[in-house]
C-alpha cells in the first residue's frame, strides 16, 4: 500500500474524518431498540475496519499508534483488536524513486561516492521507512534505511488528531490529565522514531551497554548516517516462523538469550528496545539472535529502574504497603486510593506473576494457562481499573514485555526466569 495524503493538511483531514465517523457510529450504537450486544459488536467492527484502513494508508505516527494498541489486544474489544493486528503486517514498500530524494537531500557528494550501488527494490518496509541493500566502494555489503518523505513533519499533527480519535471512541478509561501524559510519552517516542540520528544513538548505546553472548546488533556506518538515513551492516537470519520449527534445545537457548537481553537492557543499560514486532528479530541456527530497528528505544531514569526492582521484591514478599508506595511514587495510583482497596487485587496478580515463578523456576512460555489466567483476572477486576493511572515511564517497557512474551510463546521456550531476575537484584522465593 502506498502512502496517501502525505501533506500535513491532508493527513489531518483523513484522521479528522475517521474521528467524525467514529463519533457518528457511537451515537448510532447507543440508540434505543434492537440487540445492544450486537450493536456494540458492530460498532467496534466498523471502527476497527475504518481505523486499520486509515492508519495503514497514512503510515508514520498514525500507523505506529495502531500497532502500539494492537499489543494490548487482550484488553481491547475483540472486534477492534482483530483489525488493528493487521497493522503489524509488513507494508508494501514505495518505489525507489519516491524515497531517493531523501538520499539526494541528505548525502553530500563525498558521502555518495562511498557507495558503489543500491538495490532499487526494498527488502523491508514499515511505518516510518524502508530498507534497501547496497554495496560500498570498498566492497562491503550494507543495508540502507530511508525515512519516508514528510513523515517526521507530520508527527505532532497526527498525534493531536489521534488524541481526539481515542477520546471520541471512549476506548481508554482515562481522565484528561492521564490521557495527556500518555499521549505526550507516545509522541516523544514517535518523534524519536522519525529521527534516525536518535536511532543511531540508541544502537550505539545498546552495543556498548548491553553486550551479551549470542545477541547480535548491526554495526552502523556512522559516516553515512543522517537524521533521515541510517547505514548498517547486513545481519541475516531466519524469521520467527522458521525458528519455531527448530529443536527444543535450540529454541530454549534462544529464549534464554532473549530474556537475558531484555533484563540486561532494563536493569543495567536503562534502555529498552520497545518495538517487539517479530520482524525486528532474526534467528540463526547456532542460537544467535539478531536485533533490528532501534528507532523506538525507551531510555529510563535510574530511579525508575530502582523503584521497579523494589516493587517486585516487595510483591514477592507480600509487603503490600511498601509495594503500593512504590506504585504511588511511579505515578500509577489514582489520587486518594488507599492500599486497603487494592490488597485483594495485589494478592491475585502476585500469585499469577511472581508467585507462579516461585512455584516454577523454569517458566514454560508454551503453557497457555498463564495468559488465560491473566486474562481472566483482568476481566474480573475490570472495575478496579479506575484506581490506577498509566505509568508513562513504563508504557513502552510494558509494550516490550508483552511483545517478548508472544515471541517466546511462538518459540515454545522454557526459561529459568528466577535465575535471570536474581542476577539483577530481583529475588523470588521458592514456594515448592
Protein backbone atom coordinates (compact mmCIF):
# COMPACT_ATOMS: atom_id res chain seq x y z
CA UNK A 1 0.00 0.00 0.00
CA UNK A 2 1.44 3.38 -0.95
CA UNK A 3 1.46 6.32 1.42
CA UNK A 4 -1.53 8.52 0.74
CA UNK A 5 -2.12 12.13 1.75
CA UNK A 6 1.48 12.90 2.65
CA UNK A 7 0.89 16.60 3.28
CA UNK A 8 0.11 17.53 6.87
CA UNK A 9 -3.20 19.13 5.89
CA UNK A 10 -4.44 16.06 4.04
CA UNK A 11 -3.30 13.72 6.82
CA UNK A 12 -5.17 15.85 9.36
CA UNK A 13 -8.29 15.73 7.20
CA UNK A 14 -8.09 11.93 6.93
CA UNK A 15 -7.76 11.49 10.70
CA UNK A 16 -10.44 14.10 11.40
CA UNK A 17 -12.77 12.21 9.08
CA UNK A 18 -12.12 8.97 10.94
CA UNK A 19 -12.95 10.77 14.18
CA UNK A 20 -16.23 12.10 12.85
CA UNK A 21 -17.20 8.64 11.59
CA UNK A 22 -16.31 7.14 14.97
CA UNK A 23 -18.48 9.69 16.75
CA UNK A 24 -21.38 9.02 14.39
CA UNK A 25 -21.14 5.27 14.89
CA UNK A 26 -21.01 5.78 18.66
CA UNK A 27 -24.24 7.77 18.59
CA UNK A 28 -25.98 5.15 16.45
CA UNK A 29 -24.79 2.29 18.69
CA UNK A 30 -26.45 3.95 21.70
CA UNK A 31 -29.88 4.44 20.10
CA UNK A 32 -32.70 2.55 21.84
CA UNK A 33 -34.08 -0.68 20.41
CA UNK A 34 -32.51 -3.78 18.93
CA UNK A 35 -29.87 -6.05 20.43
CA UNK A 36 -27.38 -3.90 22.40
CA UNK A 37 -24.67 -6.58 22.31
CA UNK A 38 -24.92 -6.92 18.53
CA UNK A 39 -24.87 -3.14 18.08
CA UNK A 40 -21.76 -2.83 20.25
CA UNK A 41 -20.01 -5.60 18.33
CA UNK A 42 -20.90 -3.96 15.02
CA UNK A 43 -19.68 -0.61 16.32
CA UNK A 44 -16.21 -1.95 17.16
CA UNK A 45 -16.06 -3.96 13.93
CA UNK A 46 -16.82 -0.87 11.83
CA UNK A 47 -14.45 1.30 13.88
CA UNK A 48 -11.70 -1.33 13.59
CA UNK A 49 -12.01 -1.60 9.82
CA UNK A 50 -12.01 2.18 9.46
CA UNK A 51 -9.03 2.74 11.75
CA UNK A 52 -6.94 -0.04 10.21
CA UNK A 53 -7.56 1.29 6.71
CA UNK A 54 -6.93 4.94 7.60
CA UNK A 55 -3.88 4.41 9.81
CA UNK A 56 -2.35 1.92 7.42
CA UNK A 57 -2.63 4.33 4.49
CA UNK A 58 -1.03 7.18 6.42
CA UNK A 59 1.82 5.18 7.97
CA UNK A 60 4.04 7.29 10.24
CA UNK A 61 2.84 8.08 13.79
CA UNK A 62 -0.73 7.23 12.83
CA UNK A 63 0.14 3.66 11.92
CA UNK A 64 2.55 3.33 14.86
CA UNK A 65 -0.21 4.16 17.33
CA UNK A 66 -2.40 1.47 15.80
CA UNK A 67 0.46 -1.01 16.11
CA UNK A 68 1.02 0.02 19.71
CA UNK A 69 -2.65 -0.50 20.52
CA UNK A 70 -2.58 -3.94 18.92
CA UNK A 71 -0.01 -5.07 21.51
CA UNK A 72 -2.75 -4.66 24.12
CA UNK A 73 -5.24 -6.74 22.16
CA UNK A 74 -6.23 -8.74 25.24
CA UNK A 75 -7.76 -5.63 26.82
CA UNK A 76 -9.39 -4.29 23.64
CA UNK A 77 -12.81 -5.15 22.24
CA UNK A 78 -12.10 -8.29 20.17
CA UNK A 79 -13.69 -6.82 17.03
CA UNK A 80 -11.31 -3.83 17.22
CA UNK A 81 -8.26 -5.91 18.11
CA UNK A 82 -8.80 -8.18 15.10
CA UNK A 83 -8.39 -5.28 12.68
CA UNK A 84 -5.59 -3.45 14.49
CA UNK A 85 -3.49 -6.63 14.36
CA UNK A 86 -3.44 -6.18 10.59
CA UNK A 87 -1.20 -3.13 11.10
CA UNK A 88 1.56 -5.43 12.39
CA UNK A 89 1.97 -7.00 8.96
CA UNK A 90 4.62 -5.86 6.54
CA UNK A 91 3.57 -3.00 4.29
CA UNK A 92 4.23 -2.56 0.62
CA UNK A 93 7.40 -0.51 0.00
CA UNK A 94 7.39 2.66 -2.06
CA UNK A 95 9.08 2.80 -5.44
CA UNK A 96 12.74 3.75 -5.05
CA UNK A 97 12.15 6.99 -6.96
CA UNK A 98 9.80 8.10 -4.15
CA UNK A 99 12.46 7.76 -1.44
CA UNK A 100 15.56 8.65 -3.47
CA UNK A 101 15.03 12.39 -2.76
CA UNK A 102 16.00 11.66 0.84
CA UNK A 103 19.42 10.47 -0.37
CA UNK A 104 19.78 13.45 -2.67
CA UNK A 105 18.89 15.91 0.08
CA UNK A 106 20.88 14.44 2.96
CA UNK A 107 24.05 12.97 1.47
CA UNK A 108 26.92 15.14 0.33
CA UNK A 109 28.72 14.31 -2.89
CA UNK A 110 31.57 12.85 -0.83
CA UNK A 111 29.20 10.53 1.02
CA UNK A 112 27.52 9.42 -2.20
CA UNK A 113 30.91 8.50 -3.66
CA UNK A 114 31.41 5.99 -0.83
CA UNK A 115 28.52 3.89 -2.15
CA UNK A 116 29.00 1.71 -5.19
CA UNK A 117 25.42 0.58 -5.74
CA UNK A 118 21.95 0.50 -4.15
CA UNK A 119 19.34 -2.11 -5.00
CA UNK A 120 16.18 -0.25 -6.04
CA UNK A 121 13.87 -2.95 -4.68
CA UNK A 122 13.36 -2.66 -0.92
CA UNK A 123 13.89 -5.75 1.23
CA UNK A 124 11.66 -4.45 4.06
CA UNK A 125 9.16 -1.68 4.67
CA UNK A 126 7.40 -0.41 7.79
CA UNK A 127 5.53 2.60 9.12
CA UNK A 128 8.45 5.07 9.17
CA UNK A 129 10.76 3.96 6.36
CA UNK A 130 12.08 1.15 4.20
CA UNK A 131 15.34 -0.77 3.77
CA UNK A 132 17.49 -1.36 0.67
CA UNK A 133 20.58 -3.48 0.20
CA UNK A 134 23.70 -1.66 -1.01
CA UNK A 135 27.42 -2.18 -1.57
CA UNK A 136 30.09 0.31 -0.52
CA UNK A 137 33.04 1.24 -2.75
CA UNK A 138 35.28 -0.99 -0.62
CA UNK A 139 33.06 -3.95 -1.46
CA UNK A 140 31.34 -4.15 1.92
CA UNK A 141 27.65 -5.16 1.75
CA UNK A 142 25.33 -2.99 3.86
CA UNK A 143 21.70 -2.05 4.23
CA UNK A 144 20.37 1.49 3.93
CA UNK A 145 17.27 2.50 5.88
CA UNK A 146 15.48 5.51 4.38
CA UNK A 147 12.82 7.57 6.13
CA UNK A 148 9.68 8.26 4.12
CA UNK A 149 9.45 11.88 2.92
CA UNK A 150 7.22 14.05 5.10
CA UNK A 151 6.78 11.52 7.92
CA UNK A 152 8.77 13.45 10.52
CA UNK A 153 6.91 16.71 9.96
CA UNK A 154 3.53 15.03 10.50
CA UNK A 155 4.07 13.59 14.00
CA UNK A 156 2.59 16.46 16.02
CA UNK A 157 -0.46 16.95 13.83
CA UNK A 158 -1.05 13.19 13.67
CA UNK A 159 -0.87 12.88 17.45
CA UNK A 160 -3.29 15.76 18.01
CA UNK A 161 -5.87 14.10 15.76
CA UNK A 162 -5.24 10.65 17.24
CA UNK A 163 -5.80 12.08 20.72
CA UNK A 164 -9.21 13.26 19.57
CA UNK A 165 -9.90 9.92 17.90
CA UNK A 166 -9.23 7.99 21.10
CA UNK A 167 -11.33 10.43 23.09
CA UNK A 168 -14.30 10.11 20.74
CA UNK A 169 -14.15 6.31 20.81
CA UNK A 170 -14.11 6.16 24.66
CA UNK A 171 -11.64 3.32 24.25
CA UNK A 172 -9.39 4.15 27.22
CA UNK A 173 -10.88 4.69 30.71
CA UNK A 174 -8.58 7.62 31.47
CA UNK A 175 -9.17 11.12 32.75
CA UNK A 176 -7.97 14.05 30.67
CA UNK A 177 -4.72 14.54 32.59
CA UNK A 178 -3.76 10.86 32.36
CA UNK A 179 -4.59 10.79 28.66
CA UNK A 180 -2.45 13.88 28.04
CA UNK A 181 0.53 12.36 29.87
CA UNK A 182 0.14 9.09 27.99
CA UNK A 183 -0.07 10.80 24.62
CA UNK A 184 2.92 13.03 25.45
CA UNK A 185 5.02 9.92 26.12
CA UNK A 186 3.86 8.28 22.91
CA UNK A 187 4.52 11.49 20.94
CA UNK A 188 8.09 11.65 22.28
CA UNK A 189 8.83 8.06 21.24
CA UNK A 190 7.34 8.62 17.79
CA UNK A 191 9.38 11.78 17.29
CA UNK A 192 12.49 9.77 18.06
CA UNK A 193 11.46 7.03 15.63
CA UNK A 194 11.42 9.52 12.77
CA UNK A 195 14.88 10.80 13.74
CA UNK A 196 17.47 8.31 12.54
CA UNK A 197 20.21 10.24 14.32
CA UNK A 198 18.42 9.28 17.57
CA UNK A 199 18.17 5.68 16.34
CA UNK A 200 21.92 5.66 15.76
CA UNK A 201 22.50 6.85 19.33
CA UNK A 202 20.21 4.11 20.67
CA UNK A 203 22.05 1.47 18.66
CA UNK A 204 25.43 2.72 19.88
CA UNK A 205 24.17 2.76 23.48
CA UNK A 206 22.99 -0.85 23.39
CA UNK A 207 26.11 -2.02 21.55
CA UNK A 208 28.13 -0.54 24.42
CA UNK A 209 25.97 -1.22 27.49
CA UNK A 210 24.00 -4.36 26.63
CA UNK A 211 26.62 -6.78 25.30
CA UNK A 212 25.61 -10.41 25.72
CA UNK A 213 26.80 -13.67 24.20
CA UNK A 214 24.53 -14.69 21.36
CA UNK A 215 22.92 -11.25 20.86
CA UNK A 216 23.89 -9.62 17.55
CA UNK A 217 23.46 -5.93 16.70
CA UNK A 218 24.09 -4.39 13.28
CA UNK A 219 27.25 -2.30 13.05
CA UNK A 220 26.49 1.25 11.88
CA UNK A 221 28.49 3.02 9.19
CA UNK A 222 28.45 6.31 11.08
CA UNK A 223 29.96 8.44 8.31
CA UNK A 224 26.91 7.73 6.12
CA UNK A 225 24.19 8.20 8.75
CA UNK A 226 21.98 11.31 8.92
CA UNK A 227 18.65 12.16 10.54
CA UNK A 228 16.83 10.51 7.62
CA UNK A 229 19.32 7.78 6.62
CA UNK A 230 20.97 5.02 8.61
CA UNK A 231 23.51 2.64 7.08
CA UNK A 232 24.40 -0.62 8.84
CA UNK A 233 25.96 -4.00 8.30
CA UNK A 234 23.53 -6.57 6.95
CA UNK A 235 22.95 -9.21 9.62
CA UNK A 236 21.00 -12.11 8.10
CA UNK A 237 18.92 -14.63 9.99
CA UNK A 238 15.74 -16.67 9.81
CA UNK A 239 12.28 -15.48 10.75
CA UNK A 240 10.47 -16.44 13.92
CA UNK A 241 8.24 -18.72 11.87
CA UNK A 242 11.29 -20.70 10.75
CA UNK A 243 12.96 -20.68 14.17
CA UNK A 244 9.92 -22.16 15.87
CA UNK A 245 10.44 -25.36 13.82
CA UNK A 246 13.94 -25.94 15.22
CA UNK A 247 14.88 -28.30 18.05
CA UNK A 248 13.64 -27.79 21.60
CA UNK A 249 17.16 -27.24 22.96
CA UNK A 250 17.89 -24.56 20.34
CA UNK A 251 14.60 -22.79 20.94
CA UNK A 252 15.25 -22.80 24.69
CA UNK A 253 18.74 -21.35 24.16
CA UNK A 254 17.32 -18.52 22.05
CA UNK A 255 14.56 -17.90 24.59
CA UNK A 256 17.11 -17.66 27.40
CA UNK A 257 19.17 -15.19 25.38
CA UNK A 258 16.14 -13.01 24.69
CA UNK A 259 15.17 -12.94 28.38
CA UNK A 260 18.71 -12.17 29.50
CA UNK A 261 18.83 -9.44 26.88
CA UNK A 262 15.70 -7.59 27.99
CA UNK A 263 16.65 -7.93 31.67
CA UNK A 264 20.11 -6.52 30.91
CA UNK A 265 18.55 -3.71 28.89
CA UNK A 266 16.20 -2.67 31.66
CA UNK A 267 18.22 -3.19 34.83
CA UNK A 268 21.72 -2.36 33.56
CA UNK A 269 21.56 -0.37 30.30
CA UNK A 270 18.42 1.53 31.40
CA UNK A 271 17.17 1.45 27.82
CA UNK A 272 14.57 -0.95 26.43
CA UNK A 273 14.06 -1.83 22.76
CA UNK A 274 10.33 -1.17 22.68
CA UNK A 275 9.30 -2.34 19.21
CA UNK A 276 8.87 -6.10 19.72
CA UNK A 277 7.41 -6.83 16.29
CA UNK A 278 8.59 -10.35 15.26
CA UNK A 279 10.10 -8.82 12.14
CA UNK A 280 12.60 -6.94 14.32
CA UNK A 281 14.26 -10.21 15.35
CA UNK A 282 16.13 -12.82 13.31
CA UNK A 283 17.41 -16.19 14.44
CA UNK A 284 20.44 -18.25 13.49
CA UNK A 285 20.95 -21.99 13.69
CA UNK A 286 23.88 -21.52 16.08
CA UNK A 287 21.44 -19.97 18.60
CA UNK A 288 22.32 -16.33 17.95
CA UNK A 289 19.53 -13.76 17.94
CA UNK A 290 19.80 -10.66 15.73
CA UNK A 291 18.09 -7.44 16.82
CA UNK A 292 16.87 -4.91 14.25
CA UNK A 293 15.29 -1.44 14.30
CA UNK A 294 16.37 0.80 17.18
CA UNK A 295 14.05 3.70 16.46
CA UNK A 296 11.78 3.01 19.44
CA UNK A 297 14.07 2.61 22.45
CA UNK A 298 12.83 3.85 25.81
CA UNK A 299 15.58 5.37 27.95
CA UNK A 300 14.88 5.07 31.68
CA UNK A 301 15.89 7.19 34.63
CA UNK A 302 17.87 5.13 37.20
CA UNK A 303 15.32 5.91 39.91
CA UNK A 304 12.54 4.33 37.84
CA UNK A 305 14.53 1.11 37.49
CA UNK A 306 15.28 1.15 41.23
CA UNK A 307 11.59 1.54 42.07
CA UNK A 308 10.52 -1.27 39.76
CA UNK A 309 13.10 -3.60 41.30
CA UNK A 310 11.88 -2.66 44.79
CA UNK A 311 8.24 -3.08 43.74
CA UNK A 312 8.88 -6.63 42.51
CA UNK A 313 10.76 -7.57 45.66
CA UNK A 314 8.02 -6.15 47.88
CA UNK A 315 5.42 -8.07 45.86
CA UNK A 316 7.12 -11.44 46.18
CA UNK A 317 7.40 -10.84 49.98
CA UNK A 318 3.74 -9.76 50.19
CA UNK A 319 4.71 -6.34 51.53
CA UNK A 320 1.64 -4.62 50.16
CA UNK A 321 2.10 -1.23 51.87
CA UNK A 322 5.63 -0.87 50.50
CA UNK A 323 4.61 -2.13 47.06
CA UNK A 324 1.72 0.34 46.96
CA UNK A 325 4.07 3.17 47.95
CA UNK A 326 6.33 2.36 45.01
CA UNK A 327 3.36 2.43 42.65
CA UNK A 328 2.29 5.79 44.06
CA UNK A 329 5.82 7.14 43.58
CA UNK A 330 5.80 5.92 39.97
CA UNK A 331 2.51 7.76 39.38
CA UNK A 332 0.47 4.59 38.88
CA UNK A 333 -2.23 5.10 41.51
CA UNK A 334 -5.18 7.47 41.22
CA UNK A 335 -5.41 10.24 43.83
CA UNK A 336 -6.82 9.14 47.16
CA UNK A 337 -6.77 5.38 46.54
CA UNK A 338 -5.54 3.58 49.66
CA UNK A 339 -3.67 0.31 49.77
CA UNK A 340 -6.55 -1.42 51.56
CA UNK A 341 -8.74 -1.02 48.50
CA UNK A 342 -6.24 -2.87 46.32
CA UNK A 343 -4.78 -5.61 48.51
CA UNK A 344 -7.08 -8.35 47.13
CA UNK A 345 -6.07 -7.43 43.57
CA UNK A 346 -2.39 -7.22 44.52
CA UNK A 347 -2.62 -10.69 46.04
CA UNK A 348 -4.29 -12.14 42.98
CA UNK A 349 -1.83 -10.63 40.50
CA UNK A 350 1.19 -11.55 42.61
CA UNK A 351 0.03 -15.16 42.71
CA UNK A 352 -0.25 -15.14 38.91
CA UNK A 353 3.10 -13.45 38.27
CA UNK A 354 5.91 -13.65 40.83
CA UNK A 355 4.04 -16.34 42.75
CA UNK A 356 3.94 -18.53 39.68
CA UNK A 357 7.66 -18.03 39.18
CA UNK A 358 8.26 -19.10 42.79
CA UNK A 359 6.49 -22.37 42.04
CA UNK A 360 8.04 -22.85 38.59
CA UNK A 361 11.68 -21.77 38.45
CA UNK A 362 11.67 -22.80 34.77
CA UNK A 363 8.92 -20.77 33.12
CA UNK A 364 7.22 -22.59 30.24
CA UNK A 365 6.19 -19.94 27.72
CA UNK A 366 4.39 -22.59 25.70
CA UNK A 367 1.92 -23.20 28.54
CA UNK A 368 -1.30 -21.35 27.59
CA UNK A 369 -2.72 -21.41 31.13
CA UNK A 370 -0.62 -18.40 32.20
CA UNK A 371 -2.13 -15.96 29.72
CA UNK A 372 -5.59 -17.49 30.16
CA UNK A 373 -5.44 -16.96 33.92
CA UNK A 374 -4.08 -13.43 33.50
CA UNK A 375 -6.83 -12.50 31.04
CA UNK A 376 -9.48 -13.90 33.36
CA UNK A 377 -8.06 -11.92 36.29
CA UNK A 378 -8.00 -8.67 34.32
CA UNK A 379 -11.57 -9.24 33.20
CA UNK A 380 -12.75 -9.98 36.74
CA UNK A 381 -11.08 -6.85 38.04
CA UNK A 382 -12.03 -4.50 35.22
CA UNK A 383 -13.96 -2.28 37.64
CA UNK A 384 -10.73 -1.65 39.54
CA UNK A 385 -9.05 -0.06 36.53
CA UNK A 386 -10.16 3.45 37.52
CA UNK A 387 -7.98 3.19 40.64
CA UNK A 388 -4.83 3.13 38.50
CA UNK A 389 -3.15 5.58 36.17
CA UNK A 390 -0.77 4.70 33.32
CA UNK A 391 2.87 4.91 34.41
CA UNK A 392 4.17 6.86 31.45
CA UNK A 393 7.76 5.85 32.13
CA UNK A 394 6.74 2.20 31.73
CA UNK A 395 4.25 2.29 28.86
CA UNK A 396 6.85 1.24 26.30
CA UNK A 397 8.55 -1.15 28.73
CA UNK A 398 5.24 -2.98 29.08
CA UNK A 399 4.94 -2.97 25.31
CA UNK A 400 8.38 -4.61 25.08
CA UNK A 401 7.49 -7.21 27.71
CA UNK A 402 4.19 -8.04 26.02
CA UNK A 403 5.80 -8.48 22.62
CA UNK A 404 8.63 -10.54 24.09
CA UNK A 405 6.10 -12.84 25.76
CA UNK A 406 4.39 -13.61 22.46
CA UNK A 407 7.70 -14.14 20.65
CA UNK A 408 8.77 -16.59 23.36
CA UNK A 409 5.36 -18.19 23.22
CA UNK A 410 5.90 -18.80 19.50
CA UNK A 411 9.30 -20.35 20.28
CA UNK A 412 7.65 -22.54 22.94
CA UNK A 413 10.69 -21.72 25.07
CA UNK A 414 11.41 -22.81 28.64
CA UNK A 415 13.44 -20.21 30.52
CA UNK A 416 14.91 -20.03 34.07
CA UNK A 417 13.41 -16.62 34.78
CA UNK A 418 14.03 -16.77 38.53
CA UNK A 419 17.76 -17.16 37.94
CA UNK A 420 17.83 -14.38 35.33
CA UNK A 421 15.97 -11.93 37.59
CA UNK A 422 18.17 -12.79 40.57
CA UNK A 423 21.22 -11.58 38.60
CA UNK A 424 19.61 -8.14 38.59
CA UNK A 425 18.55 -7.96 42.23
CA UNK A 426 15.01 -9.35 41.96
CA UNK A 427 14.76 -12.28 44.36
CA UNK A 428 11.71 -14.52 44.03
CA UNK A 429 11.39 -17.01 46.85
CA UNK A 430 10.73 -20.66 46.07
CA UNK A 431 7.28 -21.83 47.15
CA UNK A 432 7.66 -25.51 46.33
